[in-house]
C-alpha atoms as a PDB file:
ATOM      1  CA  UNK A   1      56.791  59.942  79.599  1.00  0.00           C
ATOM      2  CA  UNK A   2      58.338  62.230  81.251  1.00  0.00           C
ATOM      3  CA  UNK A   3      58.790  65.871  81.411  1.00  0.00           C
ATOM      4  CA  UNK A   4      61.238  67.662  83.490  1.00  0.00           C
ATOM      5  CA  UNK A   5      61.006  71.289  83.850  1.00  0.00           C
ATOM      6  CA  UNK A   6      63.373  73.816  85.597  1.00  0.00           C
ATOM      7  CA  UNK A   7      64.323  77.799  85.772  1.00  0.00           C
ATOM      8  CA  UNK A   8      62.008  79.243  88.376  1.00  0.00           C
ATOM      9  CA  UNK A   9      62.863  81.480  90.786  1.00  0.00           C
ATOM     10  CA  UNK A  10      62.955  85.013  92.425  1.00  0.00           C
ATOM     11  CA  UNK A  11      63.483  88.037  89.767  1.00  0.00           C
ATOM     12  CA  UNK A  12      63.011  91.292  90.350  1.00  0.00           C
ATOM     13  CA  UNK A  13      60.417  93.241  87.884  1.00  0.00           C
ATOM     14  CA  UNK A  14      62.036  94.164  84.895  1.00  0.00           C
ATOM     15  CA  UNK A  15      64.238  90.958  84.817  1.00  0.00           C
ATOM     16  CA  UNK A  16      64.409  87.903  82.530  1.00  0.00           C
ATOM     17  CA  UNK A  17      64.300  84.016  83.416  1.00  0.00           C
ATOM     18  CA  UNK A  18      64.634  80.360  81.204  1.00  0.00           C
ATOM     19  CA  UNK A  19      62.587  78.002  81.900  1.00  0.00           C
ATOM     20  CA  UNK A  20      63.657  74.347  79.967  1.00  0.00           C
ATOM     21  CA  UNK A  21      61.894  71.538  79.655  1.00  0.00           C
ATOM     22  CA  UNK A  22      63.253  68.662  78.666  1.00  0.00           C
ATOM     23  CA  UNK A  23      61.147  65.625  77.408  1.00  0.00           C
ATOM     24  CA  UNK A  24      61.214  62.107  77.483  1.00  0.00           C
ATOM     25  CA  UNK A  25      58.366  61.252  75.126  1.00  0.00           C
ATOM     26  CA  UNK A  26      58.488  58.928  71.768  1.00  0.00           C
ATOM     27  CA  UNK A  27      57.255  60.492  68.510  1.00  0.00           C
ATOM     28  CA  UNK A  28      57.987  64.174  69.471  1.00  0.00           C
ATOM     29  CA  UNK A  29      57.853  65.313  65.691  1.00  0.00           C
ATOM     30  CA  UNK A  30      54.123  65.006  66.254  1.00  0.00           C
ATOM     31  CA  UNK A  31      53.605  66.619  69.528  1.00  0.00           C
ATOM     32  CA  UNK A  32      52.964  70.047  70.211  1.00  0.00           C
ATOM     33  CA  UNK A  33      54.749  71.737  73.363  1.00  0.00           C
ATOM     34  CA  UNK A  34      53.056  74.307  75.592  1.00  0.00           C
ATOM     35  CA  UNK A  35      54.100  76.480  78.528  1.00  0.00           C
ATOM     36  CA  UNK A  36      50.893  76.754  81.000  1.00  0.00           C
ATOM     37  CA  UNK A  37      50.731  78.524  84.003  1.00  0.00           C
ATOM     38  CA  UNK A  38      48.690  78.916  87.035  1.00  0.00           C
ATOM     39  CA  UNK A  39      48.797  81.928  89.521  1.00  0.00           C
ATOM     40  CA  UNK A  40      47.004  81.531  92.860  1.00  0.00           C
ATOM     41  CA  UNK A  41      43.572  82.869  92.395  1.00  0.00           C
ATOM     42  CA  UNK A  42      43.377  83.284  88.533  1.00  0.00           C
ATOM     43  CA  UNK A  43      42.595  80.558  85.799  1.00  0.00           C
ATOM     44  CA  UNK A  44      45.289  78.559  84.024  1.00  0.00           C
ATOM     45  CA  UNK A  45      46.802  80.120  80.955  1.00  0.00           C
ATOM     46  CA  UNK A  46      48.277  78.604  78.273  1.00  0.00           C
ATOM     47  CA  UNK A  47      51.324  81.370  77.750  1.00  0.00           C
ATOM     48  CA  UNK A  48      53.020  79.860  74.456  1.00  0.00           C
ATOM     49  CA  UNK A  49      52.796  76.360  72.621  1.00  0.00           C
ATOM     50  CA  UNK A  50      54.932  75.604  69.302  1.00  0.00           C
ATOM     51  CA  UNK A  51      54.504  72.221  67.445  1.00  0.00           C
ATOM     52  CA  UNK A  52      57.812  70.078  67.302  1.00  0.00           C
ATOM     53  CA  UNK A  53      58.787  71.254  64.141  1.00  0.00           C
ATOM     54  CA  UNK A  54      58.753  74.610  65.262  1.00  0.00           C
ATOM     55  CA  UNK A  55      56.564  75.227  62.293  1.00  0.00           C
ATOM     56  CA  UNK A  56      53.638  76.981  64.380  1.00  0.00           C
ATOM     57  CA  UNK A  57      53.880  78.950  67.257  1.00  0.00           C
ATOM     58  CA  UNK A  58      51.362  81.023  70.136  1.00  0.00           C
ATOM     59  CA  UNK A  59      51.706  83.284  72.125  1.00  0.00           C
ATOM     60  CA  UNK A  60      48.949  84.553  74.842  1.00  0.00           C
ATOM     61  CA  UNK A  61      48.460  88.541  74.328  1.00  0.00           C
ATOM     62  CA  UNK A  62      49.797  88.689  78.234  1.00  0.00           C
ATOM     63  CA  UNK A  63      53.200  87.832  77.041  1.00  0.00           C
ATOM     64  CA  UNK A  64      53.615  88.944  73.596  1.00  0.00           C
ATOM     65  CA  UNK A  65      56.278  90.419  73.093  1.00  0.00           C
ATOM     66  CA  UNK A  66      58.193  89.314  76.024  1.00  0.00           C
ATOM     67  CA  UNK A  67      58.343  85.809  76.161  1.00  0.00           C
ATOM     68  CA  UNK A  68      59.593  83.296  73.536  1.00  0.00           C
ATOM     69  CA  UNK A  69      59.308  79.531  73.056  1.00  0.00           C
ATOM     70  CA  UNK A  70      61.968  77.767  71.411  1.00  0.00           C
ATOM     71  CA  UNK A  71      62.806  73.736  70.949  1.00  0.00           C
ATOM     72  CA  UNK A  72      65.946  72.305  70.649  1.00  0.00           C
ATOM     73  CA  UNK A  73      65.652  69.097  68.960  1.00  0.00           C
ATOM     74  CA  UNK A  74      69.118  67.757  69.583  1.00  0.00           C
ATOM     75  CA  UNK A  75      68.495  67.818  73.364  1.00  0.00           C
ATOM     76  CA  UNK A  76      64.582  66.921  73.254  1.00  0.00           C
ATOM     77  CA  UNK A  77      64.049  70.297  75.255  1.00  0.00           C
ATOM     78  CA  UNK A  78      61.482  73.266  74.909  1.00  0.00           C
ATOM     79  CA  UNK A  79      62.589  76.637  76.471  1.00  0.00           C
ATOM     80  CA  UNK A  80      61.187  79.676  77.481  1.00  0.00           C
ATOM     81  CA  UNK A  81      62.734  83.336  77.254  1.00  0.00           C
ATOM     82  CA  UNK A  82      60.867  85.168  79.648  1.00  0.00           C
ATOM     83  CA  UNK A  83      62.115  89.081  79.475  1.00  0.00           C
ATOM     84  CA  UNK A  84      60.682  92.073  80.934  1.00  0.00           C
ATOM     85  CA  UNK A  85      58.733  90.391  83.954  1.00  0.00           C
ATOM     86  CA  UNK A  86      56.125  92.313  85.859  1.00  0.00           C
ATOM     87  CA  UNK A  87      54.550  90.927  89.557  1.00  0.00           C
ATOM     88  CA  UNK A  88      51.986  89.789  87.166  1.00  0.00           C
ATOM     89  CA  UNK A  89      53.612  86.635  86.027  1.00  0.00           C
ATOM     90  CA  UNK A  90      53.617  85.369  88.582  1.00  0.00           C
ATOM     91  CA  UNK A  91      52.928  81.901  88.791  1.00  0.00           C
ATOM     92  CA  UNK A  92      54.012  78.531  88.895  1.00  0.00           C
ATOM     93  CA  UNK A  93      54.689  77.176  85.251  1.00  0.00           C
ATOM     94  CA  UNK A  94      54.505  73.840  83.577  1.00  0.00           C
ATOM     95  CA  UNK A  95      55.343  72.239  80.456  1.00  0.00           C
ATOM     96  CA  UNK A  96      52.644  70.401  78.495  1.00  0.00           C
ATOM     97  CA  UNK A  97      52.904  68.103  75.614  1.00  0.00           C
ATOM     98  CA  UNK A  98      50.193  67.001  73.439  1.00  0.00           C
ATOM     99  CA  UNK A  99      49.396  63.445  72.310  1.00  0.00           C
ATOM    100  CA  UNK A 100      50.556  63.050  68.234  1.00  0.00           C
ATOM    101  CA  UNK A 101      48.976  65.200  65.869  1.00  0.00           C
ATOM    102  CA  UNK A 102      47.128  68.092  68.853  1.00  0.00           C
ATOM    103  CA  UNK A 103      47.623  71.825  68.376  1.00  0.00           C
ATOM    104  CA  UNK A 104      47.802  72.312  71.782  1.00  0.00           C
ATOM    105  CA  UNK A 105      44.775  74.888  72.004  1.00  0.00           C
ATOM    106  CA  UNK A 106      43.058  73.532  74.762  1.00  0.00           C
ATOM    107  CA  UNK A 107      44.544  72.051  78.396  1.00  0.00           C
ATOM    108  CA  UNK A 108      42.711  68.772  77.142  1.00  0.00           C
ATOM    109  CA  UNK A 109      44.682  68.238  74.957  1.00  0.00           C
ATOM    110  CA  UNK A 110      47.909  68.203  76.986  1.00  0.00           C
ATOM    111  CA  UNK A 111      48.097  64.315  78.623  1.00  0.00           C
ATOM    112  CA  UNK A 112      51.714  64.776  79.933  1.00  0.00           C
ATOM    113  CA  UNK A 113      52.723  67.526  82.131  1.00  0.00           C
ATOM    114  CA  UNK A 114      55.805  68.134  83.963  1.00  0.00           C
ATOM    115  CA  UNK A 115      56.010  69.077  87.702  1.00  0.00           C
ATOM    116  CA  UNK A 116      55.639  72.701  87.804  1.00  0.00           C
ATOM    117  CA  UNK A 117      58.425  75.587  88.457  1.00  0.00           C
ATOM    118  CA  UNK A 118      57.687  78.858  90.616  1.00  0.00           C
ATOM    119  CA  UNK A 119      58.327  82.057  89.126  1.00  0.00           C
ATOM    120  CA  UNK A 120      57.708  84.538  91.398  1.00  0.00           C
ATOM    121  CA  UNK A 121      58.310  88.514  90.016  1.00  0.00           C
ATOM    122  CA  UNK A 122      58.816  90.923  93.065  1.00  0.00           C
ATOM    123  CA  UNK A 123      57.891  94.530  92.647  1.00  0.00           C
END
């Protein structure tokens, strides 16, 4: 089970980044993929999640209207397009996958995590 995330970096406020996460997991169709961030001194936050069939999505209020999660089934890859970034978005971003059948509403539902990619937004 592997999740490989990439795409982080340094960007100015108002800029955009796209994170990618390639999954080598079996039975992806029954899983939910999530993007979870951890900022220094702050609690972890599930910023977006989508079930693999793309029929259900969720965005945290803090990113709604600015971030978009998407899945490319052919590439086993989930993306997080982040637009209009602000310094409060600075964090390590992790992609994570649930076990089969879970909605991904809670951190405990994600047994599989990628290594994290750092996003730094300068003001």
